[in-house]
Amino acid sequence: MKFDDLIFFVGDEPLFETGLLLAGQVNPAEVRKQLSLWAAAGKLVQLRRGAYALAAPYRKVEPHPFLIANRLQPGSYVSLQAALAYYGMIPEGTPVTTSVSSGRPERLHTPLGDYLYRHVHTAWLHGYRRVELGGGQQAFVAASEKALLDLVYLEPEGDTLPYLRGLRLQNLEQLDWDQLQRLAQSSGKPKLLRAVDNLQILMAEAGAYETL
């Protein structure tokens, strides 16, 4: 395969997996070897084994960090601080794109950013949706209520008022209070129920709701 052929096949893709190129009468070992050579030559960016993006001079689409996060660990969804920043619920962006999955926890350093994956039980893998990111890209992202409860679920003392105040939460009025309660109750986790009570205090302090 020539590099022009690769651009023809994947030029409109933000990133691609090796498997995309293995259909038909090809030698998998040769394809992988060629990809490694192109990565070494700076024509490709390798994100992890079998996952690549075209280097900046050649790619037509800039991969969104959320799309990359989903693709680097299939079955994950963006949540925690990254999702809260996306919704404008914490005052600053995050240098690491944080996700949740039932897979093993890991932190990946790539040329296109850092990605952190936190493990949760399979039963807690819900409350996310497919979000349009622009440029034809989509990713699974937790709803704001689930992103907040994911953080509480995973962080020691995440249900306490000092921890929640430390997040400097803002735009609390956008939360769906009924959904927040339903998620906490369905979890059966006392920690999440305590967090909802403390979030109620913060919401009242912020004047998000006159009555809850």
C-alpha atoms as a PDB file:
ATOM      1  CA  MET A   1       0.000   0.000   0.000  1.00  0.00           C
ATOM      2  CA  LYS A   2       1.177   3.500  -0.844  1.00  0.00           C
ATOM      3  CA  PHE A   3       0.633   6.433   1.473  1.00  0.00           C
ATOM      4  CA  ASP A   4      -1.648   8.091  -1.106  1.00  0.00           C
ATOM      5  CA  ASP A   5      -3.809   4.961  -0.974  1.00  0.00           C
ATOM      6  CA  LEU A   6      -4.027   5.240   2.810  1.00  0.00           C
ATOM      7  CA  ILE A   7      -5.128   8.870   2.555  1.00  0.00           C
ATOM      8  CA  PHE A   8      -7.780   7.814   0.028  1.00  0.00           C
ATOM      9  CA  PHE A   9      -9.155   5.184   2.426  1.00  0.00           C
ATOM     10  CA  VAL A  10      -8.968   7.071   5.744  1.00  0.00           C
ATOM     11  CA  GLY A  11      -8.486  10.735   4.838  1.00  0.00           C
ATOM     12  CA  ASP A  12     -11.976  11.696   6.024  1.00  0.00           C
ATOM     13  CA  GLU A  13     -11.668   9.772   9.296  1.00  0.00           C
ATOM     14  CA  PRO A  14     -10.532  11.523  12.507  1.00  0.00           C
ATOM     15  CA  LEU A  15      -8.719   8.312  13.443  1.00  0.00           C
ATOM     16  CA  PHE A  16      -8.691   4.714  12.293  1.00  0.00           C
ATOM     17  CA  GLU A  17      -7.912   1.200  13.471  1.00  0.00           C
ATOM     18  CA  THR A  18      -5.616  -1.232  11.725  1.00  0.00           C
ATOM     19  CA  GLY A  19      -8.530  -3.613  11.192  1.00  0.00           C
ATOM     20  CA  LEU A  20     -10.054  -1.166   8.717  1.00  0.00           C
ATOM     21  CA  LEU A  21      -7.184  -1.899   6.341  1.00  0.00           C
ATOM     22  CA  LEU A  22      -7.130  -5.684   6.688  1.00  0.00           C
ATOM     23  CA  ALA A  23     -10.171  -6.516   4.576  1.00  0.00           C
ATOM     24  CA  GLY A  24      -9.585  -8.340   1.312  1.00  0.00           C
ATOM     25  CA  GLN A  25      -6.408  -9.870  -0.046  1.00  0.00           C
ATOM     26  CA  VAL A  26      -3.789  -8.204   2.132  1.00  0.00           C
ATOM     27  CA  ASN A  27      -0.932  -9.421   4.281  1.00  0.00           C
ATOM     28  CA  PRO A  28      -1.709  -8.254   7.853  1.00  0.00           C
ATOM     29  CA  ALA A  29       1.954  -8.361   8.874  1.00  0.00           C
ATOM     30  CA  GLU A  30       2.936  -6.162   5.947  1.00  0.00           C
ATOM     31  CA  VAL A  31       0.141  -3.677   6.655  1.00  0.00           C
ATOM     32  CA  ARG A  32       1.180  -3.360  10.306  1.00  0.00           C
ATOM     33  CA  LYS A  33       4.829  -2.989   9.330  1.00  0.00           C
ATOM     34  CA  GLN A  34       3.996  -0.222   6.846  1.00  0.00           C
ATOM     35  CA  LEU A  35       1.902   1.629   9.418  1.00  0.00           C
ATOM     36  CA  SER A  36       4.801   1.475  11.874  1.00  0.00           C
ATOM     37  CA  LEU A  37       7.156   2.881   9.243  1.00  0.00           C
ATOM     38  CA  TRP A  38       4.804   5.750   8.440  1.00  0.00           C
ATOM     39  CA  ALA A  39       4.415   6.502  12.162  1.00  0.00           C
ATOM     40  CA  ALA A  40       8.200   6.554  12.554  1.00  0.00           C
ATOM     41  CA  ALA A  41       8.419   8.902   9.569  1.00  0.00           C
ATOM     42  CA  GLY A  42       5.939  11.329  11.159  1.00  0.00           C
ATOM     43  CA  LYS A  43       3.167  10.685   8.635  1.00  0.00           C
ATOM     44  CA  LEU A  44       0.932   8.965  11.204  1.00  0.00           C
ATOM     45  CA  VAL A  45       0.276   9.493  14.890  1.00  0.00           C
ATOM     46  CA  GLN A  46      -0.008   6.265  16.851  1.00  0.00           C
ATOM     47  CA  LEU A  47      -2.414   6.613  19.767  1.00  0.00           C
ATOM     48  CA  ARG A  48      -2.123   3.069  20.997  1.00  0.00           C
ATOM     49  CA  ARG A  49      -1.527  -0.339  19.442  1.00  0.00           C
ATOM     50  CA  GLY A  50      -3.678  -0.569  16.323  1.00  0.00           C
ATOM     51  CA  ALA A  51      -5.086   2.983  16.582  1.00  0.00           C
ATOM     52  CA  TYR A  52      -3.769   5.817  14.416  1.00  0.00           C
ATOM     53  CA  ALA A  53      -4.549   9.291  13.128  1.00  0.00           C
ATOM     54  CA  LEU A  54      -3.042  10.968  10.120  1.00  0.00           C
ATOM     55  CA  ALA A  55      -0.369  13.496  11.093  1.00  0.00           C
ATOM     56  CA  ALA A  56      -1.383  17.161  11.013  1.00  0.00           C
ATOM     57  CA  PRO A  57      -0.208  17.972   7.480  1.00  0.00           C
ATOM     58  CA  TYR A  58      -2.307  15.149   6.044  1.00  0.00           C
ATOM     59  CA  ARG A  59      -5.483  14.937   8.108  1.00  0.00           C
ATOM     60  CA  LYS A  60      -8.617  16.757   7.040  1.00  0.00           C
ATOM     61  CA  VAL A  61     -10.433  16.404  10.365  1.00  0.00           C
ATOM     62  CA  GLU A  62      -9.029  17.284  13.767  1.00  0.00           C
ATOM     63  CA  PRO A  63      -9.995  14.440  16.128  1.00  0.00           C
ATOM     64  CA  HIS A  64     -12.059  15.615  19.090  1.00  0.00           C
ATOM     65  CA  PRO A  65     -10.669  14.427  22.460  1.00  0.00           C
ATOM     66  CA  PHE A  66     -14.028  12.864  23.363  1.00  0.00           C
ATOM     67  CA  LEU A  67     -14.069  10.803  20.176  1.00  0.00           C
ATOM     68  CA  ILE A  68     -10.501   9.690  20.820  1.00  0.00           C
ATOM     69  CA  ALA A  69     -11.415   8.743  24.394  1.00  0.00           C
ATOM     70  CA  ASN A  70     -14.304   6.560  23.231  1.00  0.00           C
ATOM     71  CA  ARG A  71     -12.233   4.845  20.570  1.00  0.00           C
ATOM     72  CA  LEU A  72      -9.168   4.164  22.700  1.00  0.00           C
ATOM     73  CA  GLN A  73     -11.239   2.149  25.157  1.00  0.00           C
ATOM     74  CA  PRO A  74     -14.407   0.797  23.502  1.00  0.00           C
ATOM     75  CA  GLY A  75     -17.363   0.612  25.856  1.00  0.00           C
ATOM     76  CA  SER A  76     -16.307   3.732  27.745  1.00  0.00           C
ATOM     77  CA  TYR A  77     -18.037   7.084  27.948  1.00  0.00           C
ATOM     78  CA  VAL A  78     -16.676  10.532  28.809  1.00  0.00           C
ATOM     79  CA  SER A  79     -17.634  11.593  32.326  1.00  0.00           C
ATOM     80  CA  LEU A  80     -16.286  13.070  35.562  1.00  0.00           C
ATOM     81  CA  GLN A  81     -14.398  16.383  35.259  1.00  0.00           C
ATOM     82  CA  ALA A  82     -14.209  16.302  31.457  1.00  0.00           C
ATOM     83  CA  ALA A  83     -17.987  16.057  31.081  1.00  0.00           C
ATOM     84  CA  LEU A  84     -18.631  18.612  33.838  1.00  0.00           C
ATOM     85  CA  ALA A  85     -16.300  21.074  32.096  1.00  0.00           C
ATOM     86  CA  TYR A  86     -18.049  20.376  28.771  1.00  0.00           C
ATOM     87  CA  TYR A  87     -21.384  21.324  30.358  1.00  0.00           C
ATOM     88  CA  GLY A  88     -19.886  24.424  32.001  1.00  0.00           C
ATOM     89  CA  MET A  89     -20.477  23.068  35.488  1.00  0.00           C
ATOM     90  CA  ILE A  90     -16.915  23.576  36.715  1.00  0.00           C
ATOM     91  CA  PRO A  91     -15.030  26.794  36.050  1.00  0.00           C
ATOM     92  CA  GLU A  92     -12.062  25.464  34.103  1.00  0.00           C
ATOM     93  CA  GLY A  93     -11.229  22.968  31.410  1.00  0.00           C
ATOM     94  CA  THR A  94      -9.383  19.775  32.208  1.00  0.00           C
ATOM     95  CA  PRO A  95      -5.971  18.794  30.813  1.00  0.00           C
ATOM     96  CA  VAL A  96      -6.956  15.107  30.932  1.00  0.00           C
ATOM     97  CA  THR A  97     -10.034  13.659  29.235  1.00  0.00           C
ATOM     98  CA  THR A  98     -11.683  11.503  31.903  1.00  0.00           C
ATOM     99  CA  SER A  99     -13.897   8.524  31.121  1.00  0.00           C
ATOM    100  CA  VAL A 100     -15.688   5.682  32.859  1.00  0.00           C
ATOM    101  CA  SER A 101     -15.893   2.041  31.798  1.00  0.00           C
ATOM    102  CA  SER A 102     -16.209  -1.474  33.149  1.00  0.00           C
ATOM    103  CA  GLY A 103     -12.748  -2.223  31.774  1.00  0.00           C
ATOM    104  CA  ARG A 104      -9.473  -1.949  33.571  1.00  0.00           C
ATOM    105  CA  PRO A 105      -8.454   1.494  34.812  1.00  0.00           C
ATOM    106  CA  GLU A 106      -5.654   3.076  32.827  1.00  0.00           C
ATOM    107  CA  ARG A 107      -4.032   6.366  31.933  1.00  0.00           C
ATOM    108  CA  LEU A 108      -2.857   6.884  28.370  1.00  0.00           C
ATOM    109  CA  HIS A 109      -0.386   9.542  27.255  1.00  0.00           C
ATOM    110  CA  THR A 110      -0.728  10.130  23.512  1.00  0.00           C
ATOM    111  CA  PRO A 111       0.510  12.773  21.061  1.00  0.00           C
ATOM    112  CA  LEU A 112      -3.112  13.978  20.927  1.00  0.00           C
ATOM    113  CA  GLY A 113      -3.686  14.329  24.659  1.00  0.00           C
ATOM    114  CA  ASP A 114      -3.925  12.421  27.924  1.00  0.00           C
ATOM    115  CA  TYR A 115      -6.792  10.051  28.685  1.00  0.00           C
ATOM    116  CA  LEU A 116      -7.825   8.609  32.050  1.00  0.00           C
ATOM    117  CA  TYR A 117     -10.235   5.682  32.436  1.00  0.00           C
ATOM    118  CA  ARG A 118     -11.871   4.891  35.788  1.00  0.00           C
ATOM    119  CA  HIS A 119     -13.490   1.530  36.486  1.00  0.00           C
ATOM    120  CA  VAL A 120     -17.085   1.117  37.626  1.00  0.00           C
ATOM    121  CA  HIS A 121     -19.311  -1.929  37.975  1.00  0.00           C
ATOM    122  CA  THR A 122     -21.250  -2.871  34.846  1.00  0.00           C
ATOM    123  CA  ALA A 123     -24.534  -2.069  36.598  1.00  0.00           C
ATOM    124  CA  TRP A 124     -23.458   1.590  36.855  1.00  0.00           C
ATOM    125  CA  LEU A 125     -22.799   1.926  33.112  1.00  0.00           C
ATOM    126  CA  HIS A 126     -25.785   4.049  32.140  1.00  0.00           C
ATOM    127  CA  GLY A 127     -26.852   7.679  32.106  1.00  0.00           C
ATOM    128  CA  TYR A 128     -24.856   8.648  29.026  1.00  0.00           C
ATOM    129  CA  ARG A 129     -25.824   9.640  25.497  1.00  0.00           C
ATOM    130  CA  ARG A 130     -24.376  10.176  22.063  1.00  0.00           C
ATOM    131  CA  VAL A 131     -23.347  13.823  21.647  1.00  0.00           C
ATOM    132  CA  GLU A 132     -22.667  15.666  18.392  1.00  0.00           C
ATOM    133  CA  LEU A 133     -19.217  17.238  18.574  1.00  0.00           C
ATOM    134  CA  GLY A 134     -19.187  18.991  15.204  1.00  0.00           C
ATOM    135  CA  GLY A 135     -17.399  18.052  12.016  1.00  0.00           C
ATOM    136  CA  GLY A 136     -19.384  14.833  11.791  1.00  0.00           C
ATOM    137  CA  GLN A 137     -17.894  13.508  15.034  1.00  0.00           C
ATOM    138  CA  GLN A 138     -19.897  11.936  17.850  1.00  0.00           C
ATOM    139  CA  ALA A 139     -19.055  10.507  21.250  1.00  0.00           C
ATOM    140  CA  PHE A 140     -20.756   8.942  24.236  1.00  0.00           C
ATOM    141  CA  VAL A 141     -20.831  11.464  27.096  1.00  0.00           C
ATOM    142  CA  ALA A 142     -22.458  11.218  30.511  1.00  0.00           C
ATOM    143  CA  ALA A 143     -25.426  13.459  31.179  1.00  0.00           C
ATOM    144  CA  SER A 144     -24.480  16.228  33.589  1.00  0.00           C
ATOM    145  CA  GLU A 145     -26.303  14.517  36.477  1.00  0.00           C
ATOM    146  CA  LYS A 146     -24.512  11.203  35.849  1.00  0.00           C
ATOM    147  CA  ALA A 147     -21.108  12.863  35.405  1.00  0.00           C
ATOM    148  CA  LEU A 148     -21.511  14.468  38.820  1.00  0.00           C
ATOM    149  CA  LEU A 149     -22.609  11.241  40.501  1.00  0.00           C
ATOM    150  CA  ASP A 150     -19.835   9.286  38.754  1.00  0.00           C
ATOM    151  CA  LEU A 151     -17.360  11.654  40.379  1.00  0.00           C
ATOM    152  CA  VAL A 152     -18.995  11.248  43.785  1.00  0.00           C
ATOM    153  CA  TYR A 153     -19.055   7.466  43.316  1.00  0.00           C
ATOM    154  CA  LEU A 154     -15.357   7.227  42.528  1.00  0.00           C
ATOM    155  CA  GLU A 155     -13.771   9.830  44.780  1.00  0.00           C
ATOM    156  CA  PRO A 156     -13.078   9.240  48.481  1.00  0.00           C
ATOM    157  CA  GLU A 157     -15.358  11.514  50.539  1.00  0.00           C
ATOM    158  CA  GLY A 158     -16.918  12.660  47.254  1.00  0.00           C
ATOM    159  CA  ASP A 159     -20.274  12.945  48.991  1.00  0.00           C
ATOM    160  CA  THR A 160     -19.109  15.460  51.598  1.00  0.00           C
ATOM    161  CA  LEU A 161     -19.845  19.161  51.543  1.00  0.00           C
ATOM    162  CA  PRO A 162     -16.133  20.128  51.657  1.00  0.00           C
ATOM    163  CA  TYR A 163     -15.412  17.992  48.576  1.00  0.00           C
ATOM    164  CA  LEU A 164     -18.446  19.232  46.661  1.00  0.00           C
ATOM    165  CA  ARG A 165     -17.684  22.844  47.553  1.00  0.00           C
ATOM    166  CA  GLY A 166     -14.116  22.290  46.352  1.00  0.00           C
ATOM    167  CA  LEU A 167     -15.428  21.488  42.871  1.00  0.00           C
ATOM    168  CA  ARG A 168     -16.678  25.087  42.637  1.00  0.00           C
ATOM    169  CA  LEU A 169     -19.793  23.893  40.862  1.00  0.00           C
ATOM    170  CA  GLN A 170     -21.633  26.440  38.753  1.00  0.00           C
ATOM    171  CA  ASN A 171     -24.730  26.589  36.537  1.00  0.00           C
ATOM    172  CA  LEU A 172     -26.459  24.228  38.942  1.00  0.00           C
ATOM    173  CA  GLU A 173     -29.808  25.321  37.565  1.00  0.00           C
ATOM    174  CA  GLN A 174     -29.207  23.163  34.495  1.00  0.00           C
ATOM    175  CA  LEU A 175     -29.353  19.980  36.575  1.00  0.00           C
ATOM    176  CA  ASP A 176     -32.483  17.860  36.317  1.00  0.00           C
ATOM    177  CA  TRP A 177     -33.152  17.408  40.013  1.00  0.00           C
ATOM    178  CA  ASP A 178     -35.632  14.566  39.524  1.00  0.00           C
ATOM    179  CA  GLN A 179     -33.135  12.691  37.360  1.00  0.00           C
ATOM    180  CA  LEU A 180     -30.378  13.271  39.914  1.00  0.00           C
ATOM    181  CA  GLN A 181     -32.553  11.757  42.629  1.00  0.00           C
ATOM    182  CA  ARG A 182     -33.597   8.820  40.455  1.00  0.00           C
ATOM    183  CA  LEU A 183     -29.998   7.984  39.607  1.00  0.00           C
ATOM    184  CA  ALA A 184     -28.921   8.110  43.236  1.00  0.00           C
ATOM    185  CA  GLN A 185     -31.862   6.044  44.432  1.00  0.00           C
ATOM    186  CA  SER A 186     -31.471   3.410  41.718  1.00  0.00           C
ATOM    187  CA  SER A 187     -27.826   2.942  42.674  1.00  0.00           C
ATOM    188  CA  GLY A 188     -28.705   1.766  46.168  1.00  0.00           C
ATOM    189  CA  LYS A 189     -25.541   3.531  47.366  1.00  0.00           C
ATOM    190  CA  PRO A 190     -25.929   5.498  50.628  1.00  0.00           C
ATOM    191  CA  LYS A 191     -22.944   7.580  49.554  1.00  0.00           C
ATOM    192  CA  LEU A 192     -24.819   8.887  46.506  1.00  0.00           C
ATOM    193  CA  LEU A 193     -27.936   9.581  48.523  1.00  0.00           C
ATOM    194  CA  ARG A 194     -25.849  11.622  50.988  1.00  0.00           C
ATOM    195  CA  ALA A 195     -24.316  13.482  48.062  1.00  0.00           C
ATOM    196  CA  VAL A 196     -27.753  14.422  46.757  1.00  0.00           C
ATOM    197  CA  ASP A 197     -28.666  15.824  50.169  1.00  0.00           C
ATOM    198  CA  ASN A 198     -25.484  17.903  50.195  1.00  0.00           C
ATOM    199  CA  LEU A 199     -25.994  19.022  46.597  1.00  0.00           C
ATOM    200  CA  GLN A 200     -29.423  20.193  47.693  1.00  0.00           C
ATOM    201  CA  ILE A 201     -27.702  22.397  50.256  1.00  0.00           C
ATOM    202  CA  LEU A 202     -25.348  23.788  47.628  1.00  0.00           C
ATOM    203  CA  MET A 203     -28.203  24.421  45.226  1.00  0.00           C
ATOM    204  CA  ALA A 204     -30.091  26.303  47.906  1.00  0.00           C
ATOM    205  CA  GLU A 205     -26.978  28.305  48.783  1.00  0.00           C
ATOM    206  CA  ALA A 206     -26.460  29.185  45.133  1.00  0.00           C
ATOM    207  CA  GLY A 207     -30.094  30.129  44.719  1.00  0.00           C
ATOM    208  CA  ALA A 208     -30.483  27.595  41.936  1.00  0.00           C
ATOM    209  CA  TYR A 209     -33.929  26.741  43.194  1.00  0.00           C
ATOM    210  CA  GLU A 210     -36.217  28.571  45.562  1.00  0.00           C
ATOM    211  CA  THR A 211     -37.566  25.285  46.865  1.00  0.00           C
ATOM    212  CA  LEU A 212     -36.420  21.719  46.226  1.00  0.00           C
END
